[in-house]
């Protein structure tokens, strides 16, 4: 049987100075009847697990700092290169477009940021 204790399962950690919210706590496991992902609401008890059964626990992330559309595009490109975020995340979350070589496409980024700000 499993007992879990955690916070941030109902409300994401807030960002500051325009930053977006962080990720919430998540708990996942498979049973014979399929996958389960009960809501993480402070305390969870009585979760039946078999010996050797795999579970996945994702702890909450911190909220963002500062408005994503104001982040330096070169810093976003560096984050992609280091594997902190994906190319898709750079476009979706920061409105930064990267070329095939990983460099910032400044014209496409300016256009995307105009659309995102509208």
PDB file of N, CA and C in Angstrom:
ATOM      1  N   UNK A   1       0.840  -1.171   0.000  1.00  0.00           N
ATOM      2  CA  UNK A   1       0.000   0.000   0.000  1.00  0.00           C
ATOM      3  C   UNK A   1       0.887   1.236   0.000  1.00  0.00           C
ATOM      4  N   UNK A   2       0.457   2.269  -0.696  1.00  0.00           N
ATOM      5  CA  UNK A   2       1.247   3.499  -0.780  1.00  0.00           C
ATOM      6  C   UNK A   2       0.570   4.633  -0.020  1.00  0.00           C
ATOM      7  N   UNK A   3       1.383   5.493   0.530  1.00  0.00           N
ATOM      8  CA  UNK A   3       0.945   6.713   1.186  1.00  0.00           C
ATOM      9  C   UNK A   3       1.754   7.842   0.568  1.00  0.00           C
ATOM     10  N   UNK A   4       1.080   8.863   0.067  1.00  0.00           N
ATOM     11  CA  UNK A   4       1.770  10.011  -0.536  1.00  0.00           C
ATOM     12  C   UNK A   4       1.358  11.283   0.173  1.00  0.00           C
ATOM     13  N   UNK A   5       2.309  12.150   0.328  1.00  0.00           N
ATOM     14  CA  UNK A   5       2.058  13.452   0.932  1.00  0.00           C
ATOM     15  C   UNK A   5       2.707  14.488   0.024  1.00  0.00           C
ATOM     16  N   UNK A   6       1.966  15.455  -0.405  1.00  0.00           N
ATOM     17  CA  UNK A   6       2.536  16.472  -1.275  1.00  0.00           C
ATOM     18  C   UNK A   6       1.627  17.671  -1.409  1.00  0.00           C
ATOM     19  N   UNK A   7       2.183  18.719  -1.853  1.00  0.00           N
ATOM     20  CA  UNK A   7       1.440  19.952  -2.096  1.00  0.00           C
ATOM     21  C   UNK A   7       1.468  20.241  -3.598  1.00  0.00           C
ATOM     22  N   UNK A   8       0.698  21.217  -3.971  1.00  0.00           N
ATOM     23  CA  UNK A   8       0.640  21.695  -5.363  1.00  0.00           C
ATOM     24  C   UNK A   8       0.075  20.647  -6.304  1.00  0.00           C
ATOM     25  N   UNK A   9      -0.966  19.957  -5.861  1.00  0.00           N
ATOM     26  CA  UNK A   9      -1.660  19.008  -6.710  1.00  0.00           C
ATOM     27  C   UNK A   9      -2.955  19.567  -7.261  1.00  0.00           C
ATOM     28  N   UNK A  10      -3.416  20.656  -6.675  1.00  0.00           N
ATOM     29  CA  UNK A  10      -4.648  21.296  -7.151  1.00  0.00           C
ATOM     30  C   UNK A  10      -4.369  22.642  -7.803  1.00  0.00           C
ATOM     31  N   UNK A  11      -3.396  23.349  -7.284  1.00  0.00           N
ATOM     32  CA  UNK A  11      -3.074  24.681  -7.796  1.00  0.00           C
ATOM     33  C   UNK A  11      -1.581  24.739  -8.088  1.00  0.00           C
ATOM     34  N   UNK A  12      -1.251  25.159  -9.282  1.00  0.00           N
ATOM     35  CA  UNK A  12       0.153  25.226  -9.693  1.00  0.00           C
ATOM     36  C   UNK A  12       0.884  26.328  -8.927  1.00  0.00           C
ATOM     37  N   UNK A  13       2.185  26.138  -8.693  1.00  0.00           N
ATOM     38  CA  UNK A  13       2.968  27.203  -8.073  1.00  0.00           C
ATOM     39  C   UNK A  13       2.917  28.450  -8.962  1.00  0.00           C
ATOM     40  N   UNK A  14       2.614  29.601  -8.394  1.00  0.00           N
ATOM     41  CA  UNK A  14       2.488  30.804  -9.225  1.00  0.00           C
ATOM     42  C   UNK A  14       3.841  31.336  -9.683  1.00  0.00           C
ATOM     43  N   UNK A  15       3.814  32.033 -10.801  1.00  0.00           N
ATOM     44  CA  UNK A  15       4.997  32.735 -11.266  1.00  0.00           C
ATOM     45  C   UNK A  15       5.048  34.126 -10.639  1.00  0.00           C
ATOM     46  N   UNK A  16       6.160  34.815 -10.856  1.00  0.00           N
ATOM     47  CA  UNK A  16       6.306  36.180 -10.356  1.00  0.00           C
ATOM     48  C   UNK A  16       6.701  37.109 -11.498  1.00  0.00           C
ATOM     49  N   UNK A  17       6.357  38.366 -11.347  1.00  0.00           N
ATOM     50  CA  UNK A  17       6.713  39.400 -12.332  1.00  0.00           C
ATOM     51  C   UNK A  17       6.292  39.010 -13.754  1.00  0.00           C
ATOM     52  N   UNK A  18       5.110  38.427 -13.879  1.00  0.00           N
ATOM     53  CA  UNK A  18       4.592  38.060 -15.193  1.00  0.00           C
ATOM     54  C   UNK A  18       4.918  36.648 -15.632  1.00  0.00           C
ATOM     55  N   UNK A  19       5.631  35.897 -14.803  1.00  0.00           N
ATOM     56  CA  UNK A  19       5.980  34.524 -15.157  1.00  0.00           C
ATOM     57  C   UNK A  19       4.789  33.591 -15.057  1.00  0.00           C
ATOM     58  N   UNK A  20       4.794  32.553 -15.851  1.00  0.00           N
ATOM     59  CA  UNK A  20       3.708  31.581 -15.858  1.00  0.00           C
ATOM     60  C   UNK A  20       3.787  30.630 -14.676  1.00  0.00           C
ATOM     61  N   UNK A  21       2.728  29.862 -14.456  1.00  0.00           N
ATOM     62  CA  UNK A  21       2.719  28.912 -13.349  1.00  0.00           C
ATOM     63  C   UNK A  21       3.649  27.729 -13.607  1.00  0.00           C
ATOM     64  N   UNK A  22       4.091  27.095 -12.523  1.00  0.00           N
ATOM     65  CA  UNK A  22       4.925  25.904 -12.624  1.00  0.00           C
ATOM     66  C   UNK A  22       4.065  24.668 -12.815  1.00  0.00           C
ATOM     67  N   UNK A  23       4.715  23.524 -12.916  1.00  0.00           N
ATOM     68  CA  UNK A  23       4.013  22.247 -13.054  1.00  0.00           C
ATOM     69  C   UNK A  23       3.455  21.820 -11.702  1.00  0.00           C
ATOM     70  N   UNK A  24       2.402  21.023 -11.742  1.00  0.00           N
ATOM     71  CA  UNK A  24       1.809  20.515 -10.511  1.00  0.00           C
ATOM     72  C   UNK A  24       2.317  19.113 -10.196  1.00  0.00           C
ATOM     73  N   UNK A  25       2.135  18.694  -8.953  1.00  0.00           N
ATOM     74  CA  UNK A  25       2.428  17.332  -8.534  1.00  0.00           C
ATOM     75  C   UNK A  25       1.589  16.360  -9.357  1.00  0.00           C
ATOM     76  N   UNK A  26       2.177  15.238  -9.742  1.00  0.00           N
ATOM     77  CA  UNK A  26       1.422  14.199 -10.446  1.00  0.00           C
ATOM     78  C   UNK A  26       1.904  12.836  -9.966  1.00  0.00           C
ATOM     79  N   UNK A  27       0.983  11.908  -9.909  1.00  0.00           N
ATOM     80  CA  UNK A  27       1.280  10.535  -9.520  1.00  0.00           C
ATOM     81  C   UNK A  27       0.556   9.624 -10.495  1.00  0.00           C
ATOM     82  N   UNK A  28       1.301   8.729 -11.144  1.00  0.00           N
ATOM     83  CA  UNK A  28       0.713   7.827 -12.139  1.00  0.00           C
ATOM     84  C   UNK A  28       1.141   6.401 -11.856  1.00  0.00           C
ATOM     85  N   UNK A  29       0.229   5.465 -12.115  1.00  0.00           N
ATOM     86  CA  UNK A  29       0.559   4.051 -12.019  1.00  0.00           C
ATOM     87  C   UNK A  29      -0.434   3.263 -12.861  1.00  0.00           C
ATOM     88  N   UNK A  30      -0.034   2.091 -13.287  1.00  0.00           N
ATOM     89  CA  UNK A  30      -0.894   1.206 -14.077  1.00  0.00           C
ATOM     90  C   UNK A  30      -1.403   0.079 -13.189  1.00  0.00           C
ATOM     91  N   UNK A  31      -2.667  -0.263 -13.395  1.00  0.00           N
ATOM     92  CA  UNK A  31      -3.287  -1.406 -12.743  1.00  0.00           C
ATOM     93  C   UNK A  31      -3.839  -2.295 -13.852  1.00  0.00           C
ATOM     94  N   UNK A  32      -4.379  -3.429 -13.487  1.00  0.00           N
ATOM     95  CA  UNK A  32      -4.939  -4.351 -14.479  1.00  0.00           C
ATOM     96  C   UNK A  32      -6.045  -3.699 -15.303  1.00  0.00           C
ATOM     97  N   UNK A  33      -6.770  -2.754 -14.706  1.00  0.00           N
ATOM     98  CA  UNK A  33      -7.865  -2.089 -15.420  1.00  0.00           C
ATOM     99  C   UNK A  33      -7.409  -0.843 -16.185  1.00  0.00           C
ATOM    100  N   UNK A  34      -6.110  -0.607 -16.245  1.00  0.00           N
ATOM    101  CA  UNK A  34      -5.585   0.518 -17.020  1.00  0.00           C
ATOM    102  C   UNK A  34      -4.825   1.521 -16.171  1.00  0.00           C
ATOM    103  N   UNK A  35      -4.456   2.642 -16.796  1.00  0.00           N
ATOM    104  CA  UNK A  35      -3.660   3.652 -16.076  1.00  0.00           C
ATOM    105  C   UNK A  35      -4.511   4.445 -15.082  1.00  0.00           C
ATOM    106  N   UNK A  36      -3.876   4.848 -14.004  1.00  0.00           N
ATOM    107  CA  UNK A  36      -4.527   5.660 -12.971  1.00  0.00           C
ATOM    108  C   UNK A  36      -3.682   6.898 -12.713  1.00  0.00           C
ATOM    109  N   UNK A  37      -4.347   8.012 -12.518  1.00  0.00           N
ATOM    110  CA  UNK A  37      -3.671   9.257 -12.144  1.00  0.00           C
ATOM    111  C   UNK A  37      -4.585  10.001 -11.172  1.00  0.00           C
ATOM    112  N   UNK A  38      -4.573   9.574  -9.910  1.00  0.00           N
ATOM    113  CA  UNK A  38      -5.443  10.240  -8.945  1.00  0.00           C
ATOM    114  C   UNK A  38      -4.982  11.672  -8.701  1.00  0.00           C
ATOM    115  N   UNK A  39      -5.914  12.538  -8.351  1.00  0.00           N
ATOM    116  CA  UNK A  39      -5.525  13.928  -8.096  1.00  0.00           C
ATOM    117  C   UNK A  39      -4.660  14.019  -6.842  1.00  0.00           C
ATOM    118  N   UNK A  40      -3.567  14.733  -6.924  1.00  0.00           N
ATOM    119  CA  UNK A  40      -2.677  14.919  -5.774  1.00  0.00           C
ATOM    120  C   UNK A  40      -3.234  16.050  -4.928  1.00  0.00           C
ATOM    121  N   UNK A  41      -3.903  15.687  -3.860  1.00  0.00           N
ATOM    122  CA  UNK A  41      -4.520  16.688  -3.003  1.00  0.00           C
ATOM    123  C   UNK A  41      -4.007  16.514  -1.581  1.00  0.00           C
ATOM    124  N   UNK A  42      -2.836  16.979  -1.314  1.00  0.00           N
ATOM    125  CA  UNK A  42      -2.208  16.966  -0.002  1.00  0.00           C
ATOM    126  C   UNK A  42      -1.815  15.559   0.430  1.00  0.00           C
ATOM    127  N   UNK A  43      -2.767  14.735   0.892  1.00  0.00           N
ATOM    128  CA  UNK A  43      -2.436  13.392   1.369  1.00  0.00           C
ATOM    129  C   UNK A  43      -3.258  12.358   0.616  1.00  0.00           C
ATOM    130  N   UNK A  44      -2.613  11.256   0.276  1.00  0.00           N
ATOM    131  CA  UNK A  44      -3.296  10.142  -0.372  1.00  0.00           C
ATOM    132  C   UNK A  44      -2.909   8.874   0.378  1.00  0.00           C
ATOM    133  N   UNK A  45      -3.900   8.092   0.765  1.00  0.00           N
ATOM    134  CA  UNK A  45      -3.627   6.851   1.481  1.00  0.00           C
ATOM    135  C   UNK A  45      -4.379   5.706   0.828  1.00  0.00           C
ATOM    136  N   UNK A  46      -3.973   4.491   1.150  1.00  0.00           N
ATOM    137  CA  UNK A  46      -4.693   3.307   0.701  1.00  0.00           C
ATOM    138  C   UNK A  46      -4.542   2.976  -0.764  1.00  0.00           C
ATOM    139  N   UNK A  47      -3.477   3.416  -1.400  1.00  0.00           N
ATOM    140  CA  UNK A  47      -3.261   3.101  -2.811  1.00  0.00           C
ATOM    141  C   UNK A  47      -2.653   1.708  -2.880  1.00  0.00           C
ATOM    142  N   UNK A  48      -3.359   0.786  -3.497  1.00  0.00           N
ATOM    143  CA  UNK A  48      -2.923  -0.612  -3.568  1.00  0.00           C
ATOM    144  C   UNK A  48      -1.942  -0.791  -4.721  1.00  0.00           C
ATOM    145  N   UNK A  49      -0.740  -1.232  -4.390  1.00  0.00           N
ATOM    146  CA  UNK A  49       0.298  -1.508  -5.376  1.00  0.00           C
ATOM    147  C   UNK A  49       0.847  -2.902  -5.129  1.00  0.00           C
ATOM    148  N   UNK A  50       1.291  -3.537  -6.204  1.00  0.00           N
ATOM    149  CA  UNK A  50       1.910  -4.855  -6.094  1.00  0.00           C
ATOM    150  C   UNK A  50       3.422  -4.691  -5.974  1.00  0.00           C
ATOM    151  N   UNK A  51       4.069  -5.651  -5.371  1.00  0.00           N
ATOM    152  CA  UNK A  51       5.525  -5.623  -5.252  1.00  0.00           C
ATOM    153  C   UNK A  51       6.138  -5.552  -6.652  1.00  0.00           C
ATOM    154  N   UNK A  52       7.073  -4.651  -6.830  1.00  0.00           N
ATOM    155  CA  UNK A  52       7.745  -4.484  -8.109  1.00  0.00           C
ATOM    156  C   UNK A  52       6.998  -3.627  -9.114  1.00  0.00           C
ATOM    157  N   UNK A  53       5.814  -3.176  -8.752  1.00  0.00           N
ATOM    158  CA  UNK A  53       5.024  -2.346  -9.667  1.00  0.00           C
ATOM    159  C   UNK A  53       5.694  -0.985  -9.842  1.00  0.00           C
ATOM    160  N   UNK A  54       5.665  -0.478 -11.045  1.00  0.00           N
ATOM    161  CA  UNK A  54       6.266   0.826 -11.335  1.00  0.00           C
ATOM    162  C   UNK A  54       5.260   1.944 -11.115  1.00  0.00           C
ATOM    163  N   UNK A  55       5.769   3.030 -10.585  1.00  0.00           N
ATOM    164  CA  UNK A  55       4.974   4.239 -10.405  1.00  0.00           C
ATOM    165  C   UNK A  55       5.785   5.417 -10.934  1.00  0.00           C
ATOM    166  N   UNK A  56       5.092   6.488 -11.218  1.00  0.00           N
ATOM    167  CA  UNK A  56       5.776   7.705 -11.671  1.00  0.00           C
ATOM    168  C   UNK A  56       5.275   8.853 -10.802  1.00  0.00           C
ATOM    169  N   UNK A  57       6.217   9.542 -10.176  1.00  0.00           N
ATOM    170  CA  UNK A  57       5.899  10.693  -9.348  1.00  0.00           C
ATOM    171  C   UNK A  57       6.606  11.899  -9.947  1.00  0.00           C
ATOM    172  N   UNK A  58       5.833  12.929 -10.251  1.00  0.00           N
ATOM    173  CA  UNK A  58       6.391  14.176 -10.783  1.00  0.00           C
ATOM    174  C   UNK A  58       6.181  15.256  -9.733  1.00  0.00           C
ATOM    175  N   UNK A  59       7.277  15.808  -9.239  1.00  0.00           N
ATOM    176  CA  UNK A  59       7.168  16.858  -8.224  1.00  0.00           C
ATOM    177  C   UNK A  59       6.895  18.195  -8.900  1.00  0.00           C
ATOM    178  N   UNK A  60       6.308  19.134  -8.149  1.00  0.00           N
ATOM    179  CA  UNK A  60       5.940  20.404  -8.776  1.00  0.00           C
ATOM    180  C   UNK A  60       7.165  21.217  -9.164  1.00  0.00           C
ATOM    181  N   UNK A  61       7.028  21.950 -10.244  1.00  0.00           N
ATOM    182  CA  UNK A  61       8.090  22.857 -10.665  1.00  0.00           C
ATOM    183  C   UNK A  61       7.812  24.237 -10.124  1.00  0.00           C
ATOM    184  N   UNK A  62       8.810  25.052 -10.091  1.00  0.00           N
ATOM    185  CA  UNK A  62       8.619  26.434  -9.648  1.00  0.00           C
ATOM    186  C   UNK A  62       7.968  27.250 -10.746  1.00  0.00           C
ATOM    187  N   UNK A  63       7.273  28.282 -10.364  1.00  0.00           N
ATOM    188  CA  UNK A  63       6.680  29.192 -11.338  1.00  0.00           C
ATOM    189  C   UNK A  63       7.755  29.983 -12.056  1.00  0.00           C
ATOM    190  N   UNK A  64       7.380  30.547 -13.190  1.00  0.00           N
ATOM    191  CA  UNK A  64       8.323  31.319 -13.986  1.00  0.00           C
ATOM    192  C   UNK A  64       8.633  32.676 -13.385  1.00  0.00           C
ATOM    193  N   UNK A  65       9.731  33.245 -13.817  1.00  0.00           N
ATOM    194  CA  UNK A  65      10.146  34.576 -13.379  1.00  0.00           C
ATOM    195  C   UNK A  65      10.219  35.477 -14.600  1.00  0.00           C
ATOM    196  N   UNK A  66       9.351  36.453 -14.649  1.00  0.00           N
ATOM    197  CA  UNK A  66       9.339  37.392 -15.768  1.00  0.00           C
ATOM    198  C   UNK A  66       8.500  36.891 -16.934  1.00  0.00           C
ATOM    199  N   UNK A  67       8.051  37.838 -17.726  1.00  0.00           N
ATOM    200  CA  UNK A  67       7.205  37.522 -18.882  1.00  0.00           C
ATOM    201  C   UNK A  67       8.013  36.780 -19.945  1.00  0.00           C
ATOM    202  N   UNK A  68       7.472  35.656 -20.400  1.00  0.00           N
ATOM    203  CA  UNK A  68       8.176  34.807 -21.366  1.00  0.00           C
ATOM    204  C   UNK A  68       8.494  35.544 -22.663  1.00  0.00           C
ATOM    205  N   UNK A  69       7.591  36.426 -23.102  1.00  0.00           N
ATOM    206  CA  UNK A  69       7.820  37.138 -24.365  1.00  0.00           C
ATOM    207  C   UNK A  69       8.901  38.201 -24.252  1.00  0.00           C
ATOM    208  N   UNK A  70       9.365  38.458 -23.032  1.00  0.00           N
ATOM    209  CA  UNK A  70      10.438  39.442 -22.845  1.00  0.00           C
ATOM    210  C   UNK A  70      11.796  38.775 -22.654  1.00  0.00           C
ATOM    211  N   UNK A  71      11.822  37.451 -22.641  1.00  0.00           N
ATOM    212  CA  UNK A  71      13.105  36.753 -22.467  1.00  0.00           C
ATOM    213  C   UNK A  71      13.956  36.935 -23.714  1.00  0.00           C
ATOM    214  N   UNK A  72      15.246  37.143 -23.498  1.00  0.00           N
ATOM    215  CA  UNK A  72      16.198  37.333 -24.587  1.00  0.00           C
ATOM    216  C   UNK A  72      16.178  36.107 -25.504  1.00  0.00           C
ATOM    217  N   UNK A  73      15.903  36.292 -26.795  1.00  0.00           N
ATOM    218  CA  UNK A  73      15.861  35.145 -27.712  1.00  0.00           C
ATOM    219  C   UNK A  73      17.153  34.329 -27.735  1.00  0.00           C
ATOM    220  N   UNK A  74      18.296  34.983 -27.569  1.00  0.00           N
ATOM    221  CA  UNK A  74      19.567  34.243 -27.533  1.00  0.00           C
ATOM    222  C   UNK A  74      19.627  33.326 -26.312  1.00  0.00           C
ATOM    223  N   UNK A  75      19.074  33.770 -25.191  1.00  0.00           N
ATOM    224  CA  UNK A  75      19.038  32.936 -23.985  1.00  0.00           C
ATOM    225  C   UNK A  75      18.126  31.733 -24.216  1.00  0.00           C
ATOM    226  N   UNK A  76      17.029  31.940 -24.925  1.00  0.00           N
ATOM    227  CA  UNK A  76      16.121  30.833 -25.241  1.00  0.00           C
ATOM    228  C   UNK A  76      16.833  29.836 -26.159  1.00  0.00           C
ATOM    229  N   UNK A  77      17.549  30.334 -27.148  1.00  0.00           N
ATOM    230  CA  UNK A  77      18.306  29.449 -28.051  1.00  0.00           C
ATOM    231  C   UNK A  77      19.328  28.633 -27.259  1.00  0.00           C
ATOM    232  N   UNK A  78      19.977  29.257 -26.292  1.00  0.00           N
ATOM    233  CA  UNK A  78      20.946  28.545 -25.458  1.00  0.00           C
ATOM    234  C   UNK A  78      20.240  27.453 -24.639  1.00  0.00           C
ATOM    235  N   UNK A  79      19.049  27.763 -24.116  1.00  0.00           N
ATOM    236  CA  UNK A  79      18.292  26.772 -23.354  1.00  0.00           C
ATOM    237  C   UNK A  79      17.932  25.566 -24.223  1.00  0.00           C
ATOM    238  N   UNK A  80      17.602  25.811 -25.495  1.00  0.00           N
ATOM    239  CA  UNK A  80      17.306  24.708 -26.423  1.00  0.00           C
ATOM    240  C   UNK A  80      18.568  23.881 -26.652  1.00  0.00           C
ATOM    241  N   UNK A  81      19.687  24.554 -26.902  1.00  0.00           N
ATOM    242  CA  UNK A  81      20.943  23.853 -27.154  1.00  0.00           C
ATOM    243  C   UNK A  81      21.333  22.979 -25.955  1.00  0.00           C
ATOM    244  N   UNK A  82      21.076  23.457 -24.742  1.00  0.00           N
ATOM    245  CA  UNK A  82      21.426  22.712 -23.537  1.00  0.00           C
ATOM    246  C   UNK A  82      20.390  21.642 -23.175  1.00  0.00           C
ATOM    247  N   UNK A  83      19.284  21.601 -23.916  1.00  0.00           N
ATOM    248  CA  UNK A  83      18.265  20.584 -23.682  1.00  0.00           C
ATOM    249  C   UNK A  83      17.287  20.924 -22.566  1.00  0.00           C
ATOM    250  N   UNK A  84      17.285  22.171 -22.089  1.00  0.00           N
ATOM    251  CA  UNK A  84      16.350  22.577 -21.034  1.00  0.00           C
ATOM    252  C   UNK A  84      14.931  22.688 -21.558  1.00  0.00           C
ATOM    253  N   UNK A  85      14.794  23.128 -22.803  1.00  0.00           N
ATOM    254  CA  UNK A  85      13.491  23.216 -23.460  1.00  0.00           C
ATOM    255  C   UNK A  85      13.639  22.709 -24.887  1.00  0.00           C
ATOM    256  N   UNK A  86      12.536  22.353 -25.505  1.00  0.00           N
ATOM    257  CA  UNK A  86      12.554  21.881 -26.893  1.00  0.00           C
ATOM    258  C   UNK A  86      12.393  23.063 -27.850  1.00  0.00           C
ATOM    259  N   UNK A  87      12.643  22.813 -29.113  1.00  0.00           N
ATOM    260  CA  UNK A  87      12.393  23.840 -30.139  1.00  0.00           C
ATOM    261  C   UNK A  87      10.922  24.230 -30.131  1.00  0.00           C
ATOM    262  N   UNK A  88      10.064  23.203 -29.988  1.00  0.00           N
ATOM    263  CA  UNK A  88       8.623  23.470 -29.953  1.00  0.00           C
ATOM    264  C   UNK A  88       8.266  24.346 -28.755  1.00  0.00           C
ATOM    265  N   UNK A  89       8.880  24.069 -27.610  1.00  0.00           N
ATOM    266  CA  UNK A  89       8.644  24.877 -26.416  1.00  0.00           C
ATOM    267  C   UNK A  89       9.134  26.305 -26.587  1.00  0.00           C
ATOM    268  N   UNK A  90      10.256  26.465 -27.303  1.00  0.00           N
ATOM    269  CA  UNK A  90      10.774  27.807 -27.556  1.00  0.00           C
ATOM    270  C   UNK A  90       9.761  28.631 -28.349  1.00  0.00           C
ATOM    271  N   UNK A  91       9.147  28.013 -29.350  1.00  0.00           N
ATOM    272  CA  UNK A  91       8.147  28.726 -30.155  1.00  0.00           C
ATOM    273  C   UNK A  91       6.850  28.930 -29.392  1.00  0.00           C
ATOM    274  N   UNK A  92       6.374  27.872 -28.741  1.00  0.00           N
ATOM    275  CA  UNK A  92       5.089  27.929 -28.045  1.00  0.00           C
ATOM    276  C   UNK A  92       5.137  28.855 -26.838  1.00  0.00           C
ATOM    277  N   UNK A  93       6.155  28.725 -25.998  1.00  0.00           N
ATOM    278  CA  UNK A  93       6.186  29.427 -24.725  1.00  0.00           C
ATOM    279  C   UNK A  93       6.898  30.777 -24.765  1.00  0.00           C
ATOM    280  N   UNK A  94       7.876  30.925 -25.649  1.00  0.00           N
ATOM    281  CA  UNK A  94       8.680  32.146 -25.692  1.00  0.00           C
ATOM    282  C   UNK A  94       8.561  32.903 -27.005  1.00  0.00           C
ATOM    283  N   UNK A  95       7.838  32.332 -27.975  1.00  0.00           N
ATOM    284  CA  UNK A  95       7.705  32.931 -29.304  1.00  0.00           C
ATOM    285  C   UNK A  95       9.082  33.224 -29.902  1.00  0.00           C
ATOM    286  N   UNK A  96       9.949  32.223 -29.845  1.00  0.00           N
ATOM    287  CA  UNK A  96      11.291  32.324 -30.425  1.00  0.00           C
ATOM    288  C   UNK A  96      11.416  31.246 -31.495  1.00  0.00           C
ATOM    289  N   UNK A  97      11.754  31.675 -32.707  1.00  0.00           N
ATOM    290  CA  UNK A  97      11.908  30.760 -33.832  1.00  0.00           C
ATOM    291  C   UNK A  97      13.393  30.535 -34.074  1.00  0.00           C
ATOM    292  N   UNK A  98      13.773  29.262 -34.179  1.00  0.00           N
ATOM    293  CA  UNK A  98      15.170  28.917 -34.424  1.00  0.00           C
ATOM    294  C   UNK A  98      15.324  28.351 -35.822  1.00  0.00           C
ATOM    295  N   UNK A  99      16.446  28.672 -36.458  1.00  0.00           N
ATOM    296  CA  UNK A  99      16.767  28.113 -37.761  1.00  0.00           C
ATOM    297  C   UNK A  99      17.279  26.690 -37.617  1.00  0.00           C
ATOM    298  N   UNK A 100      17.558  26.054 -38.731  1.00  0.00           N
ATOM    299  CA  UNK A 100      18.051  24.684 -38.731  1.00  0.00           C
ATOM    300  C   UNK A 100      19.357  24.512 -37.977  1.00  0.00           C
ATOM    301  N   UNK A 101      20.152  25.575 -37.903  1.00  0.00           N
ATOM    302  CA  UNK A 101      21.431  25.517 -37.200  1.00  0.00           C
ATOM    303  C   UNK A 101      21.301  25.851 -35.715  1.00  0.00           C
ATOM    304  N   UNK A 102      20.078  26.117 -35.252  1.00  0.00           N
ATOM    305  CA  UNK A 102      19.857  26.443 -33.844  1.00  0.00           C
ATOM    306  C   UNK A 102      19.959  27.912 -33.512  1.00  0.00           C
ATOM    307  N   UNK A 103      20.334  28.733 -34.515  1.00  0.00           N
ATOM    308  CA  UNK A 103      20.437  30.177 -34.285  1.00  0.00           C
ATOM    309  C   UNK A 103      19.057  30.820 -34.350  1.00  0.00           C
ATOM    310  N   UNK A 104      18.905  31.938 -33.673  1.00  0.00           N
ATOM    311  CA  UNK A 104      17.634  32.653 -33.654  1.00  0.00           C
ATOM    312  C   UNK A 104      17.342  33.239 -35.029  1.00  0.00           C
ATOM    313  N   UNK A 105      16.146  33.000 -35.526  1.00  0.00           N
ATOM    314  CA  UNK A 105      15.647  33.670 -36.728  1.00  0.00           C
ATOM    315  C   UNK A 105      14.933  34.913 -36.216  1.00  0.00           C
ATOM    316  N   UNK A 106      15.650  36.042 -36.232  1.00  0.00           N
ATOM    317  CA  UNK A 106      15.148  37.258 -35.593  1.00  0.00           C
ATOM    318  C   UNK A 106      13.905  37.827 -36.274  1.00  0.00           C
ATOM    319  N   UNK A 107      13.823  37.747 -37.594  1.00  0.00           N
ATOM    320  CA  UNK A 107      12.630  38.254 -38.279  1.00  0.00           C
ATOM    321  C   UNK A 107      11.405  37.418 -37.928  1.00  0.00           C
ATOM    322  N   UNK A 108      11.535  36.091 -38.005  1.00  0.00           N
ATOM    323  CA  UNK A 108      10.403  35.217 -37.676  1.00  0.00           C
ATOM    324  C   UNK A 108      10.027  35.348 -36.200  1.00  0.00           C
ATOM    325  N   UNK A 109      11.028  35.534 -35.335  1.00  0.00           N
ATOM    326  CA  UNK A 109      10.756  35.716 -33.901  1.00  0.00           C
ATOM    327  C   UNK A 109       9.982  37.006 -33.664  1.00  0.00           C
ATOM    328  N   UNK A 110      10.387  38.086 -34.314  1.00  0.00           N
ATOM    329  CA  UNK A 110       9.683  39.375 -34.157  1.00  0.00           C
ATOM    330  C   UNK A 110       8.243  39.250 -34.607  1.00  0.00           C
ATOM    331  N   UNK A 111       8.017  38.585 -35.728  1.00  0.00           N
ATOM    332  CA  UNK A 111       6.652  38.388 -36.228  1.00  0.00           C
ATOM    333  C   UNK A 111       5.818  37.524 -35.275  1.00  0.00           C
ATOM    334  N   UNK A 112       6.402  36.449 -34.786  1.00  0.00           N
ATOM    335  CA  UNK A 112       5.683  35.554 -33.875  1.00  0.00           C
ATOM    336  C   UNK A 112       5.357  36.268 -32.559  1.00  0.00           C
ATOM    337  N   UNK A 113       6.297  37.066 -32.064  1.00  0.00           N
ATOM    338  CA  UNK A 113       6.066  37.785 -30.811  1.00  0.00           C
ATOM    339  C   UNK A 113       4.984  38.860 -30.977  1.00  0.00           C
ATOM    340  N   UNK A 114       4.919  39.475 -32.148  1.00  0.00           N
ATOM    341  CA  UNK A 114       3.837  40.439 -32.400  1.00  0.00           C
ATOM    342  C   UNK A 114       2.480  39.751 -32.344  1.00  0.00           C
ATOM    343  N   UNK A 115       2.403  38.579 -32.983  1.00  0.00           N
ATOM    344  CA  UNK A 115       1.145  37.819 -32.977  1.00  0.00           C
ATOM    345  C   UNK A 115       0.795  37.362 -31.567  1.00  0.00           C
ATOM    346  N   UNK A 116       1.772  36.895 -30.812  1.00  0.00           N
ATOM    347  CA  UNK A 116       1.519  36.400 -29.450  1.00  0.00           C
ATOM    348  C   UNK A 116       1.096  37.517 -28.512  1.00  0.00           C
ATOM    349  N   UNK A 117       1.600  38.705 -28.716  1.00  0.00           N
ATOM    350  CA  UNK A 117       1.288  39.840 -27.851  1.00  0.00           C
ATOM    351  C   UNK A 117      -0.090  40.417 -28.156  1.00  0.00           C
ATOM    352  N   UNK A 118      -0.612  40.150 -29.352  1.00  0.00           N
ATOM    353  CA  UNK A 118      -1.899  40.720 -29.762  1.00  0.00           C
ATOM    354  C   UNK A 118      -3.070  40.079 -29.066  1.00  0.00           C
TER     355      UNK A 118
END
